Amino acid sequence: MTLSHPTAWATVALSAVASLGCNVTTSNPGAPASQPSSAKGTAAPATDNTALPPGIYCYSGTGNLDGADLDGVVRLQIEAGGRVTGVVSVTADNAAAGTVFTANETLTGQLTGTTLTASFIERAGGEEFQSDDEWTVDQDQIVSRTLTYNSADCAVVESRLPEDFRDDAQSNSWTTPSTST
């Protein structure tokens, strides 16, 4: 499949982020473990049937989808009761087609046990894409249908997010993301 239009790449990147059923080999050797944090710098015990206590969790992962190399980061904020907000940024680099596209999304959802049921919103090329998905989330990794993201240092993840997405997991506000075509 050859994709050259930014909207087509948005669809590929959205598929990668929202996990629309493609299997991908993933790796992230040597990723440092992240520690959950809250406003006070310590995580409270897990409550309300969630596998993770309230706090901020960061992950990164790589893989391949339809010939495009994927490199993504996720930042989640889990609140008491299992409410989750976050941001996702995935870059799809198809060297054969000579194209690179970055998809940046916000997510909102509910964590029950280790299952995160979430809605994802991406805005690219003046269009809005919305999708729903379920991920398996624990302190060590996120497993989606497309990528496995491993625990990562939040400072590293934060540095890889577009500036308008930094600290967004707390407010879940949206400004137009930066994209490269």
N, C-alpha and C. Protein backbone atom coordinates (compact mmCIF):
# COMPACT_ATOMS: atom_id res chain seq x y z
N MET A 1 0.84 -1.15 0.00
CA MET A 1 0.00 0.00 0.00
C MET A 1 0.89 1.23 0.00
N THR A 2 0.66 2.15 -0.94
CA THR A 2 1.43 3.38 -1.03
C THR A 2 0.54 4.53 -0.58
N LEU A 3 1.02 5.28 0.39
CA LEU A 3 0.27 6.41 0.92
C LEU A 3 1.10 7.66 0.77
N SER A 4 0.52 8.70 0.17
CA SER A 4 1.28 9.93 0.02
C SER A 4 0.53 11.13 0.56
N HIS A 5 -0.77 11.06 0.68
CA HIS A 5 -1.57 12.18 1.16
C HIS A 5 -1.53 12.21 2.69
N PRO A 6 -1.39 13.42 3.29
CA PRO A 6 -1.34 13.50 4.76
C PRO A 6 -2.54 12.84 5.44
N THR A 7 -3.74 12.96 4.85
CA THR A 7 -4.91 12.33 5.47
C THR A 7 -4.78 10.81 5.46
N ALA A 8 -4.19 10.27 4.39
CA ALA A 8 -3.97 8.83 4.34
C ALA A 8 -3.00 8.40 5.43
N TRP A 9 -1.93 9.20 5.63
CA TRP A 9 -0.98 8.88 6.70
C TRP A 9 -1.62 9.06 8.06
N ALA A 10 -2.53 10.03 8.17
CA ALA A 10 -3.25 10.20 9.44
C ALA A 10 -4.03 8.94 9.74
N THR A 11 -4.61 8.33 8.71
CA THR A 11 -5.35 7.10 8.90
C THR A 11 -4.43 5.98 9.35
N VAL A 12 -3.25 5.86 8.74
CA VAL A 12 -2.29 4.83 9.15
C VAL A 12 -1.85 5.06 10.59
N ALA A 13 -1.49 6.30 10.91
CA ALA A 13 -1.04 6.60 12.26
C ALA A 13 -2.17 6.42 13.26
N LEU A 14 -3.38 6.84 12.90
CA LEU A 14 -4.53 6.64 13.77
C LEU A 14 -4.76 5.16 13.99
N SER A 15 -4.62 4.37 12.93
CA SER A 15 -4.77 2.93 13.07
C SER A 15 -3.73 2.38 14.03
N ALA A 16 -2.53 2.89 13.94
CA ALA A 16 -1.48 2.43 14.85
C ALA A 16 -1.80 2.79 16.28
N VAL A 17 -2.24 4.01 16.48
CA VAL A 17 -2.52 4.45 17.83
C VAL A 17 -3.77 3.78 18.38
N ALA A 18 -4.81 3.72 17.58
CA ALA A 18 -6.08 3.20 18.06
C ALA A 18 -6.18 1.70 17.95
N SER A 19 -5.17 1.06 17.41
CA SER A 19 -5.08 -0.40 17.43
C SER A 19 -6.22 -1.07 16.68
N LEU A 20 -6.30 -0.83 15.41
CA LEU A 20 -7.40 -1.36 14.63
C LEU A 20 -7.14 -2.76 14.09
N GLY A 21 -6.48 -3.60 14.86
CA GLY A 21 -6.43 -5.01 14.57
C GLY A 21 -5.22 -5.53 13.82
N CYS A 22 -4.19 -4.75 13.58
CA CYS A 22 -3.00 -5.25 12.91
C CYS A 22 -2.00 -5.73 13.95
N ASN A 23 -1.35 -6.85 13.68
CA ASN A 23 -0.33 -7.35 14.59
C ASN A 23 1.01 -6.75 14.20
N VAL A 24 1.77 -6.36 15.19
CA VAL A 24 3.05 -5.70 14.97
C VAL A 24 4.06 -6.28 15.93
N THR A 25 5.28 -6.51 15.41
CA THR A 25 6.34 -6.87 16.34
C THR A 25 6.83 -5.59 16.97
N THR A 26 7.10 -5.64 18.25
CA THR A 26 7.49 -4.44 18.96
C THR A 26 8.75 -4.70 19.76
N SER A 27 9.45 -3.62 20.03
CA SER A 27 10.61 -3.72 20.90
C SER A 27 10.87 -2.37 21.52
N ASN A 28 11.50 -2.41 22.66
CA ASN A 28 11.92 -1.19 23.33
C ASN A 28 13.00 -1.58 24.33
N PRO A 29 14.15 -2.02 23.82
CA PRO A 29 15.18 -2.51 24.73
C PRO A 29 15.70 -1.41 25.63
N GLY A 30 15.89 -1.79 26.87
CA GLY A 30 16.54 -0.89 27.81
C GLY A 30 15.72 0.29 28.27
N ALA A 31 14.40 0.25 28.08
CA ALA A 31 13.59 1.38 28.52
C ALA A 31 13.61 1.44 30.04
N PRO A 32 13.91 2.61 30.59
CA PRO A 32 13.91 2.71 32.05
C PRO A 32 12.50 2.62 32.60
N ALA A 33 12.36 2.03 33.74
CA ALA A 33 11.05 1.90 34.37
C ALA A 33 10.59 3.26 34.86
N SER A 34 9.29 3.50 34.73
CA SER A 34 8.74 4.75 35.26
C SER A 34 8.10 4.47 36.60
N GLN A 35 8.02 5.48 37.38
CA GLN A 35 7.35 5.37 38.66
C GLN A 35 6.11 6.24 38.60
N PRO A 36 4.98 5.72 39.10
CA PRO A 36 3.78 6.55 39.10
C PRO A 36 3.99 7.75 40.00
N SER A 37 3.37 8.85 39.61
CA SER A 37 3.48 10.04 40.45
C SER A 37 2.14 10.73 40.52
N SER A 38 1.95 11.49 41.54
CA SER A 38 0.76 12.31 41.66
C SER A 38 1.24 13.73 41.96
N ALA A 39 0.33 14.63 42.24
CA ALA A 39 0.71 16.01 42.51
C ALA A 39 1.65 16.09 43.71
N LYS A 40 1.55 15.17 44.64
CA LYS A 40 2.41 15.17 45.82
C LYS A 40 3.66 14.33 45.63
N GLY A 41 3.81 13.70 44.47
CA GLY A 41 5.02 12.94 44.17
C GLY A 41 4.99 11.49 44.60
N THR A 42 3.89 11.03 45.16
CA THR A 42 3.76 9.63 45.52
C THR A 42 2.41 9.12 45.06
N ALA A 43 2.35 7.86 44.74
CA ALA A 43 1.11 7.27 44.28
C ALA A 43 0.31 6.76 45.47
N ALA A 44 -0.99 6.95 45.40
CA ALA A 44 -1.88 6.40 46.41
C ALA A 44 -2.16 4.94 46.07
N PRO A 45 -2.64 4.14 47.00
CA PRO A 45 -2.95 2.75 46.69
C PRO A 45 -4.04 2.66 45.63
N ALA A 46 -4.01 1.57 44.85
CA ALA A 46 -5.04 1.34 43.83
C ALA A 46 -6.38 1.19 44.53
N THR A 47 -7.40 1.79 43.91
CA THR A 47 -8.74 1.73 44.47
C THR A 47 -9.74 1.47 43.37
N ASP A 48 -10.96 1.20 43.77
CA ASP A 48 -12.07 1.10 42.84
C ASP A 48 -11.84 0.11 41.72
N ASN A 49 -11.26 -1.05 42.01
CA ASN A 49 -11.08 -2.12 41.05
C ASN A 49 -10.18 -1.74 39.88
N THR A 50 -9.19 -0.89 40.10
CA THR A 50 -8.21 -0.58 39.07
C THR A 50 -6.88 -1.23 39.44
N ALA A 51 -6.13 -1.60 38.43
CA ALA A 51 -4.84 -2.26 38.66
C ALA A 51 -3.75 -1.27 39.05
N LEU A 52 -3.98 0.01 38.78
CA LEU A 52 -2.96 1.03 39.05
C LEU A 52 -3.50 2.10 39.98
N PRO A 53 -2.67 2.57 40.88
CA PRO A 53 -3.09 3.68 41.74
C PRO A 53 -3.12 4.98 40.93
N PRO A 54 -3.82 5.98 41.45
CA PRO A 54 -3.80 7.28 40.76
C PRO A 54 -2.37 7.78 40.59
N GLY A 55 -2.11 8.40 39.47
CA GLY A 55 -0.79 8.94 39.18
C GLY A 55 -0.59 9.10 37.70
N ILE A 56 0.61 9.50 37.33
CA ILE A 56 0.98 9.67 35.93
C ILE A 56 1.88 8.51 35.53
N TYR A 57 1.58 7.91 34.38
CA TYR A 57 2.32 6.76 33.86
C TYR A 57 2.75 7.06 32.43
N CYS A 58 3.97 6.67 32.08
CA CYS A 58 4.52 6.97 30.76
C CYS A 58 5.05 5.70 30.12
N TYR A 59 4.90 5.62 28.79
CA TYR A 59 5.26 4.42 28.04
C TYR A 59 5.80 4.83 26.67
N SER A 60 6.62 3.95 26.08
CA SER A 60 7.06 4.15 24.70
C SER A 60 7.14 2.79 24.01
N GLY A 61 7.02 2.80 22.68
CA GLY A 61 7.08 1.56 21.93
C GLY A 61 7.38 1.80 20.47
N THR A 62 7.87 0.75 19.81
CA THR A 62 8.15 0.80 18.38
C THR A 62 7.55 -0.43 17.72
N GLY A 63 7.36 -0.34 16.41
CA GLY A 63 6.84 -1.47 15.66
C GLY A 63 6.77 -1.15 14.18
N ASN A 64 6.06 -1.97 13.43
CA ASN A 64 5.92 -1.78 11.99
C ASN A 64 4.49 -2.09 11.59
N LEU A 65 3.91 -1.24 10.77
CA LEU A 65 2.55 -1.42 10.28
C LEU A 65 2.53 -1.10 8.80
N ASP A 66 2.19 -2.08 7.99
CA ASP A 66 2.08 -1.89 6.54
C ASP A 66 3.31 -1.22 5.95
N GLY A 67 4.50 -1.63 6.39
CA GLY A 67 5.75 -1.10 5.85
C GLY A 67 6.23 0.19 6.48
N ALA A 68 5.45 0.75 7.38
CA ALA A 68 5.85 1.98 8.06
C ALA A 68 6.40 1.64 9.44
N ASP A 69 7.58 2.18 9.75
CA ASP A 69 8.14 2.03 11.08
C ASP A 69 7.41 2.98 12.02
N LEU A 70 6.95 2.45 13.14
CA LEU A 70 6.20 3.23 14.11
C LEU A 70 7.04 3.47 15.36
N ASP A 71 6.94 4.66 15.90
CA ASP A 71 7.63 5.01 17.13
C ASP A 71 6.67 5.89 17.92
N GLY A 72 6.23 5.40 19.08
CA GLY A 72 5.20 6.13 19.81
C GLY A 72 5.46 6.26 21.29
N VAL A 73 4.80 7.25 21.88
CA VAL A 73 4.84 7.46 23.32
C VAL A 73 3.41 7.71 23.81
N VAL A 74 3.19 7.34 25.07
CA VAL A 74 1.88 7.51 25.71
C VAL A 74 2.12 8.08 27.11
N ARG A 75 1.30 9.04 27.49
CA ARG A 75 1.33 9.58 28.85
C ARG A 75 -0.10 9.53 29.38
N LEU A 76 -0.29 8.78 30.47
CA LEU A 76 -1.62 8.62 31.07
C LEU A 76 -1.66 9.25 32.45
N GLN A 77 -2.79 9.83 32.78
CA GLN A 77 -3.05 10.24 34.15
C GLN A 77 -4.25 9.44 34.62
N ILE A 78 -4.04 8.67 35.68
CA ILE A 78 -5.11 7.86 36.25
C ILE A 78 -5.56 8.53 37.53
N GLU A 79 -6.86 8.73 37.64
CA GLU A 79 -7.44 9.38 38.81
C GLU A 79 -8.14 8.33 39.66
N ALA A 80 -8.47 8.69 40.89
CA ALA A 80 -9.25 7.81 41.75
C ALA A 80 -10.54 7.43 41.03
N GLY A 81 -10.96 6.20 41.17
CA GLY A 81 -12.15 5.74 40.48
C GLY A 81 -11.87 5.21 39.09
N GLY A 82 -10.61 5.30 38.64
CA GLY A 82 -10.22 4.73 37.36
C GLY A 82 -10.41 5.61 36.15
N ARG A 83 -10.79 6.88 36.33
CA ARG A 83 -10.90 7.79 35.18
C ARG A 83 -9.50 8.04 34.64
N VAL A 84 -9.37 7.98 33.32
CA VAL A 84 -8.06 8.13 32.68
C VAL A 84 -8.14 9.21 31.60
N THR A 85 -7.13 10.08 31.59
CA THR A 85 -6.93 11.03 30.50
C THR A 85 -5.49 10.86 30.04
N GLY A 86 -5.22 11.26 28.82
CA GLY A 86 -3.85 11.13 28.36
C GLY A 86 -3.64 11.64 26.96
N VAL A 87 -2.41 11.46 26.53
CA VAL A 87 -2.00 11.85 25.19
C VAL A 87 -1.17 10.73 24.57
N VAL A 88 -1.25 10.64 23.26
CA VAL A 88 -0.52 9.64 22.49
C VAL A 88 0.10 10.35 21.30
N SER A 89 1.35 10.04 21.01
CA SER A 89 2.01 10.57 19.82
C SER A 89 2.73 9.42 19.14
N VAL A 90 2.38 9.17 17.88
CA VAL A 90 3.01 8.09 17.11
C VAL A 90 3.49 8.64 15.78
N THR A 91 4.74 8.36 15.44
CA THR A 91 5.29 8.74 14.14
C THR A 91 5.37 7.50 13.27
N ALA A 92 4.83 7.61 12.06
CA ALA A 92 4.90 6.54 11.06
C ALA A 92 5.88 7.00 9.98
N ASP A 93 6.94 6.24 9.78
CA ASP A 93 7.99 6.58 8.81
C ASP A 93 8.04 5.47 7.76
N ASN A 94 7.57 5.79 6.56
CA ASN A 94 7.61 4.82 5.46
C ASN A 94 8.74 5.23 4.53
N ALA A 95 9.92 4.67 4.75
CA ALA A 95 11.11 5.03 3.97
C ALA A 95 10.91 4.74 2.49
N ALA A 96 10.26 3.63 2.17
CA ALA A 96 10.05 3.26 0.76
C ALA A 96 9.21 4.30 0.03
N ALA A 97 8.22 4.86 0.72
CA ALA A 97 7.36 5.88 0.11
C ALA A 97 7.92 7.28 0.32
N GLY A 98 8.94 7.41 1.15
CA GLY A 98 9.53 8.71 1.42
C GLY A 98 8.63 9.63 2.20
N THR A 99 7.80 9.07 3.08
CA THR A 99 6.88 9.89 3.84
C THR A 99 7.02 9.63 5.34
N VAL A 100 6.77 10.68 6.09
CA VAL A 100 6.76 10.60 7.55
C VAL A 100 5.53 11.37 8.02
N PHE A 101 4.80 10.79 8.97
CA PHE A 101 3.63 11.47 9.51
C PHE A 101 3.56 11.21 11.00
N THR A 102 3.25 12.25 11.77
CA THR A 102 3.08 12.09 13.20
C THR A 102 1.62 12.33 13.56
N ALA A 103 1.04 11.38 14.26
CA ALA A 103 -0.33 11.51 14.76
C ALA A 103 -0.26 11.81 16.25
N ASN A 104 -0.97 12.83 16.66
CA ASN A 104 -1.04 13.21 18.06
C ASN A 104 -2.50 13.15 18.48
N GLU A 105 -2.76 12.45 19.57
CA GLU A 105 -4.14 12.24 20.00
C GLU A 105 -4.30 12.49 21.49
N THR A 106 -5.51 12.88 21.86
CA THR A 106 -5.90 12.89 23.26
C THR A 106 -6.76 11.66 23.48
N LEU A 107 -6.80 11.21 24.73
CA LEU A 107 -7.67 10.08 25.04
C LEU A 107 -8.35 10.33 26.37
N THR A 108 -9.55 9.80 26.50
CA THR A 108 -10.27 9.79 27.77
C THR A 108 -10.87 8.40 27.90
N GLY A 109 -10.91 7.90 29.12
CA GLY A 109 -11.46 6.57 29.29
C GLY A 109 -11.60 6.16 30.73
N GLN A 110 -11.86 4.87 30.90
CA GLN A 110 -12.08 4.28 32.20
C GLN A 110 -11.22 3.03 32.32
N LEU A 111 -10.47 2.95 33.42
CA LEU A 111 -9.66 1.77 33.71
C LEU A 111 -10.41 0.91 34.72
N THR A 112 -10.68 -0.33 34.32
CA THR A 112 -11.31 -1.30 35.21
C THR A 112 -10.39 -2.50 35.23
N GLY A 113 -9.82 -2.79 36.39
CA GLY A 113 -8.80 -3.83 36.45
C GLY A 113 -7.63 -3.37 35.61
N THR A 114 -7.26 -4.18 34.61
CA THR A 114 -6.19 -3.79 33.69
C THR A 114 -6.73 -3.38 32.32
N THR A 115 -8.05 -3.28 32.17
CA THR A 115 -8.64 -2.92 30.88
C THR A 115 -8.98 -1.44 30.83
N LEU A 116 -8.35 -0.74 29.90
CA LEU A 116 -8.65 0.66 29.64
C LEU A 116 -9.57 0.72 28.43
N THR A 117 -10.78 1.21 28.64
CA THR A 117 -11.72 1.46 27.55
C THR A 117 -11.68 2.96 27.30
N ALA A 118 -11.25 3.34 26.09
CA ALA A 118 -10.98 4.76 25.84
C ALA A 118 -11.49 5.23 24.48
N SER A 119 -11.71 6.54 24.41
CA SER A 119 -11.99 7.23 23.16
C SER A 119 -10.78 8.07 22.83
N PHE A 120 -10.38 8.04 21.56
CA PHE A 120 -9.22 8.76 21.07
C PHE A 120 -9.68 9.81 20.07
N ILE A 121 -9.11 11.01 20.16
CA ILE A 121 -9.42 12.06 19.19
C ILE A 121 -8.12 12.57 18.61
N GLU A 122 -8.04 12.55 17.28
CA GLU A 122 -6.89 13.09 16.55
C GLU A 122 -7.40 14.16 15.61
N ARG A 123 -6.65 15.26 15.52
CA ARG A 123 -6.96 16.30 14.55
C ARG A 123 -5.76 16.45 13.65
N ALA A 124 -6.00 16.31 12.35
CA ALA A 124 -4.92 16.43 11.37
C ALA A 124 -5.50 16.93 10.06
N GLY A 125 -4.77 17.79 9.41
CA GLY A 125 -5.21 18.29 8.10
C GLY A 125 -6.58 18.92 8.13
N GLY A 126 -6.94 19.55 9.24
CA GLY A 126 -8.24 20.21 9.35
C GLY A 126 -9.39 19.24 9.59
N GLU A 127 -9.09 17.97 9.78
CA GLU A 127 -10.11 16.97 10.03
C GLU A 127 -9.96 16.40 11.43
N GLU A 128 -11.06 15.87 11.96
CA GLU A 128 -11.03 15.23 13.27
C GLU A 128 -11.38 13.75 13.09
N PHE A 129 -10.56 12.91 13.70
CA PHE A 129 -10.79 11.47 13.66
C PHE A 129 -11.06 11.01 15.09
N GLN A 130 -12.10 10.24 15.28
CA GLN A 130 -12.43 9.73 16.60
C GLN A 130 -12.52 8.21 16.52
N SER A 131 -11.97 7.53 17.51
CA SER A 131 -12.06 6.08 17.56
C SER A 131 -12.14 5.63 19.01
N ASP A 132 -12.64 4.43 19.21
CA ASP A 132 -12.73 3.84 20.53
C ASP A 132 -11.94 2.55 20.51
N ASP A 133 -11.32 2.21 21.64
CA ASP A 133 -10.56 0.97 21.70
C ASP A 133 -10.39 0.54 23.14
N GLU A 134 -9.94 -0.69 23.32
CA GLU A 134 -9.59 -1.21 24.63
C GLU A 134 -8.13 -1.60 24.63
N TRP A 135 -7.42 -1.18 25.66
CA TRP A 135 -6.02 -1.53 25.86
C TRP A 135 -5.90 -2.27 27.18
N THR A 136 -4.88 -3.09 27.29
CA THR A 136 -4.51 -3.69 28.57
C THR A 136 -3.37 -2.85 29.13
N VAL A 137 -3.56 -2.36 30.35
CA VAL A 137 -2.60 -1.43 30.95
C VAL A 137 -2.18 -1.93 32.32
N ASP A 138 -0.89 -1.95 32.56
CA ASP A 138 -0.38 -2.14 33.91
C ASP A 138 0.85 -1.24 34.07
N GLN A 139 1.51 -1.32 35.19
CA GLN A 139 2.63 -0.41 35.45
C GLN A 139 3.77 -0.62 34.47
N ASP A 140 3.92 -1.85 33.93
CA ASP A 140 5.05 -2.16 33.06
C ASP A 140 4.80 -1.92 31.58
N GLN A 141 3.54 -2.01 31.14
CA GLN A 141 3.29 -1.88 29.71
C GLN A 141 1.83 -1.62 29.38
N ILE A 142 1.63 -1.16 28.16
CA ILE A 142 0.32 -1.06 27.54
C ILE A 142 0.35 -2.01 26.36
N VAL A 143 -0.66 -2.86 26.25
CA VAL A 143 -0.77 -3.74 25.10
C VAL A 143 -2.02 -3.35 24.33
N SER A 144 -1.81 -2.90 23.09
CA SER A 144 -2.93 -2.60 22.20
C SER A 144 -2.91 -3.65 21.10
N ARG A 145 -3.83 -3.56 20.18
CA ARG A 145 -3.84 -4.53 19.08
C ARG A 145 -2.73 -4.25 18.07
N THR A 146 -2.13 -3.07 18.14
CA THR A 146 -1.11 -2.70 17.17
C THR A 146 0.28 -2.59 17.76
N LEU A 147 0.42 -1.98 18.91
CA LEU A 147 1.72 -1.77 19.52
C LEU A 147 1.71 -2.21 20.98
N THR A 148 2.88 -2.60 21.44
CA THR A 148 3.10 -2.77 22.87
C THR A 148 4.03 -1.65 23.30
N TYR A 149 3.55 -0.86 24.26
CA TYR A 149 4.33 0.25 24.80
C TYR A 149 4.87 -0.21 26.14
N ASN A 150 6.16 -0.03 26.36
CA ASN A 150 6.79 -0.40 27.62
C ASN A 150 6.97 0.82 28.51
N SER A 151 7.00 0.57 29.80
CA SER A 151 7.20 1.62 30.78
C SER A 151 8.44 2.45 30.41
N ALA A 152 8.32 3.77 30.53
CA ALA A 152 9.43 4.65 30.16
C ALA A 152 9.51 5.81 31.13
N ASP A 153 10.65 6.44 31.17
CA ASP A 153 10.86 7.61 32.01
C ASP A 153 9.96 8.75 31.51
N CYS A 154 9.18 9.34 32.42
CA CYS A 154 8.24 10.38 32.01
C CYS A 154 8.93 11.62 31.44
N ALA A 155 10.13 11.94 31.90
CA ALA A 155 10.85 13.09 31.35
C ALA A 155 11.18 12.86 29.88
N VAL A 156 11.54 11.63 29.54
CA VAL A 156 11.84 11.29 28.15
C VAL A 156 10.58 11.34 27.30
N VAL A 157 9.49 10.76 27.80
CA VAL A 157 8.22 10.78 27.07
C VAL A 157 7.76 12.21 26.87
N GLU A 158 7.80 13.00 27.94
CA GLU A 158 7.38 14.40 27.86
C GLU A 158 8.18 15.16 26.81
N SER A 159 9.47 14.89 26.72
CA SER A 159 10.32 15.59 25.74
C SER A 159 9.97 15.22 24.30
N ARG A 160 9.34 14.08 24.11
CA ARG A 160 8.98 13.63 22.76
C ARG A 160 7.58 14.07 22.35
N LEU A 161 6.81 14.60 23.28
CA LEU A 161 5.47 15.08 22.94
C LEU A 161 5.56 16.47 22.33
N PRO A 162 4.64 16.79 21.41
CA PRO A 162 4.59 18.17 20.91
C PRO A 162 4.38 19.12 22.09
N GLU A 163 4.90 20.31 21.98
CA GLU A 163 4.83 21.26 23.09
C GLU A 163 3.41 21.48 23.58
N ASP A 164 2.45 21.53 22.65
CA ASP A 164 1.07 21.77 23.05
C ASP A 164 0.41 20.55 23.70
N PHE A 165 1.13 19.43 23.77
CA PHE A 165 0.61 18.24 24.44
C PHE A 165 1.27 18.01 25.79
N ARG A 166 2.29 18.75 26.11
CA ARG A 166 3.00 18.52 27.37
C ARG A 166 2.11 18.89 28.54
N ASP A 167 2.13 18.02 29.56
CA ASP A 167 1.28 18.16 30.74
C ASP A 167 -0.20 18.12 30.41
N ASP A 168 -0.56 17.67 29.20
CA ASP A 168 -1.95 17.64 28.77
C ASP A 168 -2.75 16.56 29.48
N ALA A 169 -2.10 15.53 29.98
CA ALA A 169 -2.85 14.46 30.62
C ALA A 169 -3.63 14.98 31.83
N GLN A 170 -3.17 16.06 32.44
CA GLN A 170 -3.89 16.61 33.59
C GLN A 170 -5.11 17.39 33.18
N SER A 171 -5.03 18.18 32.11
CA SER A 171 -6.16 19.04 31.74
C SER A 171 -6.97 18.47 30.58
N ASN A 172 -6.35 17.61 29.77
CA ASN A 172 -6.94 17.05 28.57
C ASN A 172 -7.49 18.14 27.65
N SER A 173 -6.86 19.32 27.67
CA SER A 173 -7.24 20.38 26.75
C SER A 173 -6.62 20.09 25.39
N TRP A 174 -7.10 20.78 24.39
CA TRP A 174 -6.61 20.51 23.05
C TRP A 174 -6.25 21.80 22.35
N THR A 175 -5.09 21.81 21.74
CA THR A 175 -4.76 22.83 20.77
C THR A 175 -4.30 22.09 19.53
N THR A 176 -4.31 22.72 18.40
CA THR A 176 -3.95 22.05 17.17
C THR A 176 -2.53 21.49 17.29
N PRO A 177 -2.37 20.18 17.08
CA PRO A 177 -1.04 19.58 17.24
C PRO A 177 -0.14 19.92 16.07
N SER A 178 1.15 19.84 16.32
CA SER A 178 2.12 20.00 15.26
C SER A 178 2.24 18.67 14.53
N THR A 179 2.27 18.70 13.22
CA THR A 179 2.45 17.47 12.44
C THR A 179 3.51 17.72 11.39
N SER A 180 4.17 16.66 10.99
CA SER A 180 5.12 16.77 9.88
C SER A 180 4.63 15.89 8.76
N THR A 181 4.81 16.33 7.55
CA THR A 181 4.36 15.55 6.39
C THR A 181 5.52 15.17 5.52
